[in-house]
Structure formats: C-alpha cells, structure tokens
C-alpha atoms as a PDB file:
ATOM      1  CA  MET A   1     -19.177  19.000  -8.479  1.00  0.00           C
ATOM      2  CA  ARG A   2     -20.816  16.117  -6.638  1.00  0.00           C
ATOM      3  CA  VAL A   3     -19.727  14.481  -3.385  1.00  0.00           C
ATOM      4  CA  THR A   4     -20.950  10.977  -2.569  1.00  0.00           C
ATOM      5  CA  GLY A   5     -20.489   9.678   0.954  1.00  0.00           C
ATOM      6  CA  GLU A   6     -20.078  11.326   4.336  1.00  0.00           C
ATOM      7  CA  TRP A   7     -16.738  12.352   5.807  1.00  0.00           C
ATOM      8  CA  PRO A   8     -14.827  10.928   7.665  1.00  0.00           C
ATOM      9  CA  ASN A   9     -15.905   7.836   5.726  1.00  0.00           C
ATOM     10  CA  PRO A  10     -14.417   7.465   2.237  1.00  0.00           C
ATOM     11  CA  ILE A  11     -16.036   9.774  -0.312  1.00  0.00           C
ATOM     12  CA  ALA A  12     -16.221  10.034  -4.101  1.00  0.00           C
ATOM     13  CA  ILE A  13     -15.858  13.422  -5.793  1.00  0.00           C
ATOM     14  CA  THR A  14     -17.127  13.688  -9.362  1.00  0.00           C
ATOM     15  CA  LYS A  15     -17.608  16.348 -11.984  1.00  0.00           C
ATOM     16  CA  GLY A  16     -18.916  14.990 -15.256  1.00  0.00           C
ATOM     17  CA  TRP A  17     -16.500  12.276 -16.368  1.00  0.00           C
ATOM     18  CA  ALA A  18     -13.819  13.180 -13.792  1.00  0.00           C
ATOM     19  CA  ARG A  19     -13.638  11.244 -10.545  1.00  0.00           C
ATOM     20  CA  ALA A  20     -11.514  11.139  -7.382  1.00  0.00           C
ATOM     21  CA  HIS A  21     -11.725   9.276  -4.082  1.00  0.00           C
ATOM     22  CA  ALA A  22     -10.768  10.784  -0.713  1.00  0.00           C
ATOM     23  CA  ARG A  23     -10.571   9.586   2.880  1.00  0.00           C
ATOM     24  CA  PRO A  24      -8.708  10.386   6.098  1.00  0.00           C
ATOM     25  CA  TRP A  25      -5.111   9.173   6.064  1.00  0.00           C
ATOM     26  CA  ASN A  26      -5.761   7.221   9.266  1.00  0.00           C
ATOM     27  CA  ARG A  27      -7.127   7.889  12.750  1.00  0.00           C
ATOM     28  CA  ASN A  28      -3.703   8.912  14.062  1.00  0.00           C
ATOM     29  CA  ARG A  29      -2.963  11.687  11.557  1.00  0.00           C
ATOM     30  CA  PRO A  30      -5.086  14.666  10.494  1.00  0.00           C
ATOM     31  CA  GLU A  31      -4.204  14.641   6.791  1.00  0.00           C
ATOM     32  CA  ALA A  32      -6.413  13.332   4.005  1.00  0.00           C
ATOM     33  CA  TYR A  33      -5.536  10.898   1.235  1.00  0.00           C
ATOM     34  CA  LEU A  34      -6.770  11.612  -2.297  1.00  0.00           C
ATOM     35  CA  ARG A  35      -6.691   9.267  -5.290  1.00  0.00           C
ATOM     36  CA  LEU A  36      -7.378  10.579  -8.790  1.00  0.00           C
ATOM     37  CA  VAL A  37      -9.315   7.985 -10.777  1.00  0.00           C
ATOM     38  CA  ARG A  38      -9.563  10.116 -13.918  1.00  0.00           C
ATOM     39  CA  GLY A  39      -9.520  13.802 -14.704  1.00  0.00           C
ATOM     40  CA  SER A  40      -7.366  16.841 -15.378  1.00  0.00           C
ATOM     41  CA  ALA A  41      -5.063  18.851 -13.147  1.00  0.00           C
ATOM     42  CA  HIS A  42      -7.868  21.438 -12.904  1.00  0.00           C
ATOM     43  CA  PHE A  43     -10.306  18.833 -11.585  1.00  0.00           C
ATOM     44  CA  LEU A  44      -7.634  17.544  -9.211  1.00  0.00           C
ATOM     45  CA  GLY A  45      -7.301  21.047  -7.801  1.00  0.00           C
ATOM     46  CA  LEU A  46     -11.074  21.253  -7.312  1.00  0.00           C
ATOM     47  CA  ALA A  47     -11.162  17.822  -5.637  1.00  0.00           C
ATOM     48  CA  THR A  48      -8.293  18.857  -3.356  1.00  0.00           C
ATOM     49  CA  ALA A  49     -10.096  22.049  -2.340  1.00  0.00           C
ATOM     50  CA  GLN A  50     -13.260  20.058  -1.671  1.00  0.00           C
ATOM     51  CA  THR A  51     -11.347  17.602   0.503  1.00  0.00           C
ATOM     52  CA  LEU A  52      -9.753  20.414   2.508  1.00  0.00           C
ATOM     53  CA  GLU A  53     -13.223  21.768   3.277  1.00  0.00           C
ATOM     54  CA  PHE A  54     -13.763  18.718   5.485  1.00  0.00           C
ATOM     55  CA  GLY A  55     -11.063  20.001   7.832  1.00  0.00           C
ATOM     56  CA  PRO A  56      -7.756  18.197   7.174  1.00  0.00           C
ATOM     57  CA  PRO A  57      -4.717  20.495   7.114  1.00  0.00           C
ATOM     58  CA  ALA A  58      -3.210  18.814   4.066  1.00  0.00           C
ATOM     59  CA  VAL A  59      -3.859  16.220   1.373  1.00  0.00           C
ATOM     60  CA  ILE A  60      -1.426  13.450   0.410  1.00  0.00           C
ATOM     61  CA  SER A  61      -1.333  11.667  -2.953  1.00  0.00           C
ATOM     62  CA  PRO A  62      -0.927   7.946  -3.594  1.00  0.00           C
ATOM     63  CA  PRO A  63       2.581   6.699  -4.412  1.00  0.00           C
ATOM     64  CA  LEU A  64       3.284   8.012  -7.924  1.00  0.00           C
ATOM     65  CA  MET A  65       5.769   7.100 -10.608  1.00  0.00           C
ATOM     66  CA  PRO A  66       7.563  10.119 -12.151  1.00  0.00           C
ATOM     67  CA  SER A  67       5.422   9.783 -15.284  1.00  0.00           C
ATOM     68  CA  SER A  68       2.210  10.183 -13.236  1.00  0.00           C
ATOM     69  CA  GLN A  69       3.168  13.231 -11.190  1.00  0.00           C
ATOM     70  CA  GLN A  70       2.531  16.043 -13.694  1.00  0.00           C
ATOM     71  CA  PRO A  71      -1.170  16.732 -12.963  1.00  0.00           C
ATOM     72  CA  TRP A  72      -0.465  16.699  -9.222  1.00  0.00           C
ATOM     73  CA  LEU A  73       2.418  19.147  -9.553  1.00  0.00           C
ATOM     74  CA  ALA A  74       0.281  21.346 -11.802  1.00  0.00           C
ATOM     75  CA  ALA A  75      -2.413  21.332  -9.091  1.00  0.00           C
ATOM     76  CA  GLY A  76       0.076  22.650  -6.523  1.00  0.00           C
ATOM     77  CA  TYR A  77       1.285  19.449  -4.858  1.00  0.00           C
ATOM     78  CA  ARG A  78       4.925  19.201  -3.833  1.00  0.00           C
ATOM     79  CA  GLY A  79       7.275  16.389  -2.862  1.00  0.00           C
ATOM     80  CA  TYR A  80       6.643  14.797   0.515  1.00  0.00           C
ATOM     81  CA  THR A  81       8.404  11.451   0.795  1.00  0.00           C
ATOM     82  CA  SER A  82       9.613   8.652  -1.455  1.00  0.00           C
ATOM     83  CA  LEU A  83       9.404   4.875  -1.547  1.00  0.00           C
ATOM     84  CA  GLN A  84      12.097   2.533  -2.847  1.00  0.00           C
ATOM     85  CA  LEU A  85      10.996   0.192  -5.641  1.00  0.00           C
ATOM     86  CA  LEU A  86      12.251  -3.391  -5.874  1.00  0.00           C
ATOM     87  CA  ARG A  87      11.593  -6.011  -8.533  1.00  0.00           C
ATOM     88  CA  LYS A  88      12.176  -9.747  -8.828  1.00  0.00           C
ATOM     89  CA  SER A  89      12.040 -11.778 -12.017  1.00  0.00           C
ATOM     90  CA  ILE A  90      10.320 -15.062 -11.231  1.00  0.00           C
ATOM     91  CA  ASN A  91      12.579 -17.809 -12.518  1.00  0.00           C
ATOM     92  CA  THR A  92      12.346 -20.247  -9.652  1.00  0.00           C
ATOM     93  CA  GLU A  93      10.395 -20.572  -6.427  1.00  0.00           C
ATOM     94  CA  SER A  94      11.679 -21.149  -2.918  1.00  0.00           C
ATOM     95  CA  PRO A  95       9.361 -22.924  -0.453  1.00  0.00           C
ATOM     96  CA  PRO A  96       8.348 -20.996   2.656  1.00  0.00           C
ATOM     97  CA  GLN A  97      10.031 -22.046   5.861  1.00  0.00           C
ATOM     98  CA  ILE A  98       6.776 -21.590   7.792  1.00  0.00           C
ATOM     99  CA  PRO A  99       3.333 -22.516   6.390  1.00  0.00           C
ATOM    100  CA  VAL A 100       1.359 -19.684   4.795  1.00  0.00           C
ATOM    101  CA  ALA A 101      -2.318 -19.884   3.854  1.00  0.00           C
ATOM    102  CA  GLU A 102      -4.755 -17.728   1.923  1.00  0.00           C
ATOM    103  CA  VAL A 103      -7.062 -15.784   4.258  1.00  0.00           C
ATOM    104  CA  ASN A 104     -10.635 -15.962   2.981  1.00  0.00           C
ATOM    105  CA  HIS A 105     -12.368 -14.369   5.980  1.00  0.00           C
ATOM    106  CA  PRO A 106      -9.963 -11.777   7.402  1.00  0.00           C
ATOM    107  CA  ASP A 107     -10.078 -10.759  11.035  1.00  0.00           C
ATOM    108  CA  TRP A 108      -9.752  -7.083  10.156  1.00  0.00           C
ATOM    109  CA  ALA A 109      -9.277  -5.947  13.743  1.00  0.00           C
ATOM    110  CA  ARG A 110      -6.275  -8.255  14.156  1.00  0.00           C
ATOM    111  CA  ILE A 111      -4.842  -7.290  10.754  1.00  0.00           C
ATOM    112  CA  ILE A 112      -5.107  -3.578  11.549  1.00  0.00           C
ATOM    113  CA  GLU A 113      -3.472  -4.250  14.938  1.00  0.00           C
ATOM    114  CA  ILE A 114      -0.560  -6.063  13.265  1.00  0.00           C
ATOM    115  CA  ASP A 115      -0.202  -3.342  10.644  1.00  0.00           C
ATOM    116  CA  GLY A 116      -0.088  -0.531  13.192  1.00  0.00           C
ATOM    117  CA  ALA A 117       2.425  -2.348  15.367  1.00  0.00           C
ATOM    118  CA  ALA A 118       4.653  -3.091  12.376  1.00  0.00           C
ATOM    119  CA  PHE A 119       4.465   0.247  10.538  1.00  0.00           C
ATOM    120  CA  GLY A 120       3.786   2.642  13.413  1.00  0.00           C
ATOM    121  CA  ALA A 121       0.815   4.902  14.027  1.00  0.00           C
ATOM    122  CA  ASP A 122       1.698   7.416  11.298  1.00  0.00           C
ATOM    123  CA  TRP A 123       1.764   4.826   8.507  1.00  0.00           C
ATOM    124  CA  GLN A 124      -0.813   2.349   9.773  1.00  0.00           C
ATOM    125  CA  ALA A 125      -3.213   1.057   7.137  1.00  0.00           C
ATOM    126  CA  GLU A 126      -6.782   0.890   8.376  1.00  0.00           C
ATOM    127  CA  LEU A 127      -9.781  -0.793   6.793  1.00  0.00           C
ATOM    128  CA  PRO A 128     -10.360   1.699   3.911  1.00  0.00           C
ATOM    129  CA  ALA A 129      -6.705   1.494   2.880  1.00  0.00           C
ATOM    130  CA  LEU A 130      -6.654  -2.297   3.185  1.00  0.00           C
ATOM    131  CA  ASN A 131      -9.809  -2.562   1.073  1.00  0.00           C
ATOM    132  CA  GLU A 132      -8.176  -0.368  -1.568  1.00  0.00           C
ATOM    133  CA  ALA A 133      -5.132  -2.646  -1.593  1.00  0.00           C
ATOM    134  CA  MET A 134      -7.402  -5.671  -2.029  1.00  0.00           C
ATOM    135  CA  LYS A 135      -8.904  -4.035  -5.145  1.00  0.00           C
ATOM    136  CA  SER A 136      -5.689  -2.642  -6.589  1.00  0.00           C
ATOM    137  CA  ALA A 137      -4.969  -5.379  -9.144  1.00  0.00           C
ATOM    138  CA  GLY A 138      -6.912  -7.663 -11.453  1.00  0.00           C
ATOM    139  CA  THR A 139      -6.624 -10.601  -9.049  1.00  0.00           C
ATOM    140  CA  THR A 140      -5.750 -10.169  -5.377  1.00  0.00           C
ATOM    141  CA  ALA A 141      -5.533 -12.201  -2.197  1.00  0.00           C
ATOM    142  CA  MET A 142      -4.543 -11.919   1.430  1.00  0.00           C
ATOM    143  CA  LEU A 143      -2.040 -14.426   2.771  1.00  0.00           C
ATOM    144  CA  GLY A 144      -1.651 -15.092   6.464  1.00  0.00           C
ATOM    145  CA  ILE A 145       0.868 -16.746   8.735  1.00  0.00           C
ATOM    146  CA  SER A 146       0.277 -17.998  12.266  1.00  0.00           C
ATOM    147  CA  ALA A 147       2.456 -17.692  15.311  1.00  0.00           C
ATOM    148  CA  PRO A 148       5.340 -20.183  15.396  1.00  0.00           C
ATOM    149  CA  GLY A 149       4.723 -23.296  17.434  1.00  0.00           C
ATOM    150  CA  GLY A 150       1.338 -24.159  16.041  1.00  0.00           C
ATOM    151  CA  GLY A 151      -0.720 -21.380  17.612  1.00  0.00           C
ATOM    152  CA  ALA A 152      -3.828 -20.177  15.824  1.00  0.00           C
ATOM    153  CA  GLU A 153      -3.136 -16.472  16.369  1.00  0.00           C
ATOM    154  CA  LEU A 154      -2.439 -14.541  13.176  1.00  0.00           C
ATOM    155  CA  ALA A 155       1.118 -13.222  13.364  1.00  0.00           C
ATOM    156  CA  GLY A 156       1.529 -11.615   9.939  1.00  0.00           C
ATOM    157  CA  TYR A 157      -0.147 -11.006   6.622  1.00  0.00           C
ATOM    158  CA  ALA A 158       0.532 -10.009   3.023  1.00  0.00           C
ATOM    159  CA  ILE A 159      -1.710  -8.523   0.344  1.00  0.00           C
ATOM    160  CA  VAL A 160      -0.672  -9.659  -3.101  1.00  0.00           C
ATOM    161  CA  GLY A 161      -2.087  -9.081  -6.573  1.00  0.00           C
ATOM    162  CA  VAL A 162      -1.496  -9.772 -10.253  1.00  0.00           C
ATOM    163  CA  SER A 163      -2.304  -7.682 -13.306  1.00  0.00           C
ATOM    164  CA  ALA A 164      -1.195  -9.077 -16.684  1.00  0.00           C
ATOM    165  CA  ALA A 165       2.330 -10.468 -16.218  1.00  0.00           C
ATOM    166  CA  THR A 166       3.258  -8.430 -13.144  1.00  0.00           C
ATOM    167  CA  GLY A 167       2.687  -9.351  -9.529  1.00  0.00           C
ATOM    168  CA  TYR A 168       2.471  -6.787  -6.763  1.00  0.00           C
ATOM    169  CA  LEU A 169       3.326  -7.343  -3.126  1.00  0.00           C
ATOM    170  CA  GLN A 170       1.128  -4.510  -1.889  1.00  0.00           C
ATOM    171  CA  ARG A 171       1.562  -4.804   1.848  1.00  0.00           C
ATOM    172  CA  LEU A 172       3.409  -7.107   4.236  1.00  0.00           C
ATOM    173  CA  ALA A 173       3.429  -6.835   8.008  1.00  0.00           C
ATOM    174  CA  VAL A 174       4.552  -9.088  10.852  1.00  0.00           C
ATOM    175  CA  ALA A 175       3.686  -8.379  14.474  1.00  0.00           C
ATOM    176  CA  PRO A 176       6.830  -7.176  16.305  1.00  0.00           C
ATOM    177  CA  ALA A 177       6.710 -10.078  18.774  1.00  0.00           C
ATOM    178  CA  PHE A 178       7.221 -12.493  15.867  1.00  0.00           C
ATOM    179  CA  GLN A 179       9.718 -10.563  13.770  1.00  0.00           C
ATOM    180  CA  ARG A 180      13.173 -11.960  12.942  1.00  0.00           C
ATOM    181  CA  GLN A 181      11.801 -15.505  13.043  1.00  0.00           C
ATOM    182  CA  GLY A 182      11.410 -16.063   9.295  1.00  0.00           C
ATOM    183  CA  LEU A 183       7.749 -15.075   9.012  1.00  0.00           C
ATOM    184  CA  GLY A 184       8.362 -12.142   6.676  1.00  0.00           C
ATOM    185  CA  ARG A 185      10.571 -14.284   4.451  1.00  0.00           C
ATOM    186  CA  SER A 186       7.949 -17.038   4.307  1.00  0.00           C
ATOM    187  CA  LEU A 187       5.220 -14.510   3.425  1.00  0.00           C
ATOM    188  CA  THR A 188       7.474 -13.099   0.696  1.00  0.00           C
ATOM    189  CA  ARG A 189       8.179 -16.516  -0.807  1.00  0.00           C
ATOM    190  CA  SER A 190       4.521 -17.498  -0.713  1.00  0.00           C
ATOM    191  CA  SER A 191       3.553 -14.199  -2.340  1.00  0.00           C
ATOM    192  CA  VAL A 192       5.998 -14.788  -5.184  1.00  0.00           C
ATOM    193  CA  SER A 193       4.674 -18.335  -5.667  1.00  0.00           C
ATOM    194  CA  TRP A 194       1.073 -17.076  -5.619  1.00  0.00           C
ATOM    195  CA  CYS A 195       1.911 -14.554  -8.348  1.00  0.00           C
ATOM    196  CA  ARG A 196       3.761 -17.100 -10.468  1.00  0.00           C
ATOM    197  CA  ARG A 197       0.831 -19.533 -10.386  1.00  0.00           C
ATOM    198  CA  ARG A 198      -1.344 -16.767 -11.817  1.00  0.00           C
ATOM    199  CA  GLY A 199       0.944 -16.000 -14.732  1.00  0.00           C
ATOM    200  CA  ALA A 200       3.200 -13.270 -13.356  1.00  0.00           C
ATOM    201  CA  ARG A 201       6.759 -13.181 -14.629  1.00  0.00           C
ATOM    202  CA  GLN A 202       7.918 -10.546 -12.170  1.00  0.00           C
ATOM    203  CA  VAL A 203       6.941  -9.180  -8.753  1.00  0.00           C
ATOM    204  CA  VAL A 204       7.243  -5.532  -7.707  1.00  0.00           C
ATOM    205  CA  LEU A 205       7.115  -4.053  -4.204  1.00  0.00           C
ATOM    206  CA  ASN A 206       8.125  -0.896  -2.389  1.00  0.00           C
ATOM    207  CA  THR A 207       9.632   0.042   0.961  1.00  0.00           C
ATOM    208  CA  LYS A 208      10.560   3.224   2.760  1.00  0.00           C
ATOM    209  CA  PRO A 209      14.180   4.083   1.743  1.00  0.00           C
ATOM    210  CA  GLY A 210      15.332   3.906   5.357  1.00  0.00           C
ATOM    211  CA  ASN A 211      13.904   0.440   5.994  1.00  0.00           C
ATOM    212  CA  GLN A 212      17.228  -1.333   5.609  1.00  0.00           C
ATOM    213  CA  ALA A 213      16.140  -4.530   7.350  1.00  0.00           C
ATOM    214  CA  ALA A 214      13.259  -5.097   4.927  1.00  0.00           C
ATOM    215  CA  GLN A 215      15.376  -4.196   1.894  1.00  0.00           C
ATOM    216  CA  LYS A 216      18.123  -6.585   2.983  1.00  0.00           C
ATOM    217  CA  MET A 217      15.619  -9.426   3.308  1.00  0.00           C
ATOM    218  CA  TYR A 218      14.014  -8.716  -0.075  1.00  0.00           C
ATOM    219  CA  ILE A 219      17.406  -8.472  -1.796  1.00  0.00           C
ATOM    220  CA  SER A 220      18.422 -11.810  -0.270  1.00  0.00           C
ATOM    221  CA  GLU A 221      15.239 -13.237  -1.866  1.00  0.00           C
ATOM    222  CA  GLY A 222      16.316 -12.080  -5.330  1.00  0.00           C
ATOM    223  CA  PHE A 223      14.713  -8.626  -5.504  1.00  0.00           C
ATOM    224  CA  GLN A 224      16.732  -5.816  -7.053  1.00  0.00           C
ATOM    225  CA  LEU A 225      16.581  -2.110  -6.273  1.00  0.00           C
ATOM    226  CA  LEU A 226      15.192  -0.046  -9.152  1.00  0.00           C
ATOM    227  CA  PRO A 227      16.493   3.433 -10.007  1.00  0.00           C
ATOM    228  CA  ASP A 228      13.038   5.030 -10.044  1.00  0.00           C
ATOM    229  CA  ARG A 229      11.246   5.742  -6.800  1.00  0.00           C
ATOM    230  CA  LEU A 230       7.594   6.230  -6.042  1.00  0.00           C
ATOM    231  CA  GLU A 231       6.803   9.684  -4.704  1.00  0.00           C
ATOM    232  CA  LEU A 232       4.068  10.744  -2.317  1.00  0.00           C
ATOM    233  CA  LEU A 233       3.143  14.368  -2.981  1.00  0.00           C
ATOM    234  CA  ARG A 234       1.469  16.734  -0.548  1.00  0.00           C
ATOM    235  CA  TYR A 235      -0.785  19.776  -0.777  1.00  0.00           C
ATOM    236  CA  GLY A 236      -1.089  21.934   2.311  1.00  0.00           C
ATOM    237  CA  ASP A 237       0.950  22.748   5.376  1.00  0.00           C
ATOM    238  CA  SER A 238       4.460  21.346   5.583  1.00  0.00           C
ATOM    239  CA  VAL A 239       4.984  18.456   8.000  1.00  0.00           C
ATOM    240  CA  SER A 240       7.930  16.059   7.917  1.00  0.00           C
ATOM    241  CA  PRO A 241       7.030  12.448   7.002  1.00  0.00           C
END
C-alpha cells in the first residue's frame, strides 16, 4: 500500500487500482475523514487502518446513499449521523432579492470564517473540504453575496455544481450577523438559476435533520423532502455527532 502526501495535509492511499483520500475532519475535531475513490471493502479496511495510524481516534465517511453503504458496513463502519435530502424540479426561476455574483478569486480566510460561524466548530468546512466541494461535480462555481447596504464585505457564499441534468447545492453559509435578512434565500435562488442555465432540470441539497429553519426556507422555495437520507458512517470510538 502506498501513501502520498504528509499528514495532517490531505493524503492519497493506493494499492494497485484501489484508491482512497483521507484528511483531518477539521482543526476543531480529532477525527479523520476518508473518501473511497474506488476499491473493495477489504481495501477500505486497509485504508481505514492506515488513516488511524496517523493518530485520529476515529474515521468518518462521506455522506452516503443507502446503495453506497455496503462496503463501508462490511469494513466495520457503523451509523453516525444522517442528513436530510431535498430536491426541487426547476420549472421556473425566482429572481434573488439581493444581488449575488460568481466569486472567481475567493477570499478563503473569509469563507472559512463564515462557514465556521454558520455551522459551528464541529462541522466547519476548511480549505481541503471546500476544495473537494469545488471539484465534486462536472461544472462548479462559488457564488457570493455582500453585506446589505452596499458594503463590500462578503456576508455569505454558496458552492453549486451540475453533473448531467442534476444540480447540486453543495454548501451554503451566511454569517450570523446577516442571517434572517434574505441572503440565504437569494443565494438559493441564484444557485437554482445557475444550475438551470447549465442544463439542470432539478437541484438537490442536504441539511441536518434538526435544522428546521433551513428546511423551512428551502421548502418555501419549492424544495421537497425526500424519503431517503444520506448517512455518515463512523469507524472507531463512539462520540455523539
């Protein structure tokens, strides 16, 4: 088995054709995050063991549909937490209430600050995770929204992508000081429009099941709750999400 990279930076783990990527979850939590690119449950077990050798107490999977969980369960992973899926068929577009623009040169420090303030330290996405989100679909973009009143300060962002006829709202965060002012709704509408212009006929996103405020906003924008949920699985010591 071959390891490329140096922990705690993101690493690649390969064995022949099989490949996985691992990194720390974020700077606030000790767990690792592991993504299986290709390979069997046996290779996944080897990649998990290799990741644990770097010192994290546990390894967490990406969000998985039920159909994708089998190799992880076979490798010893167990349920950790779930994410609610929502989907919107794109029939019409609604204009954003506040201007939204594509961000071509992101201020990563500000984006990470917004993300941590919006999602909390445990679920903050840092640069490796944000880069993964920006590469997660065939075509992706970051959209940004400034503070109300004409200020230049970035107040919120969204990462959006399209593969085939499906759009994905990968991440959306608004700084707490600017929440409940229509910024999240404007980012959502602009994300849907961005996807539609690139051929998507539907947009999919996920939220934590307990995030009722976000779900209420998305439902009011035409998203519907789906019966299936994404599951994050965990290998290692048991800690509540």
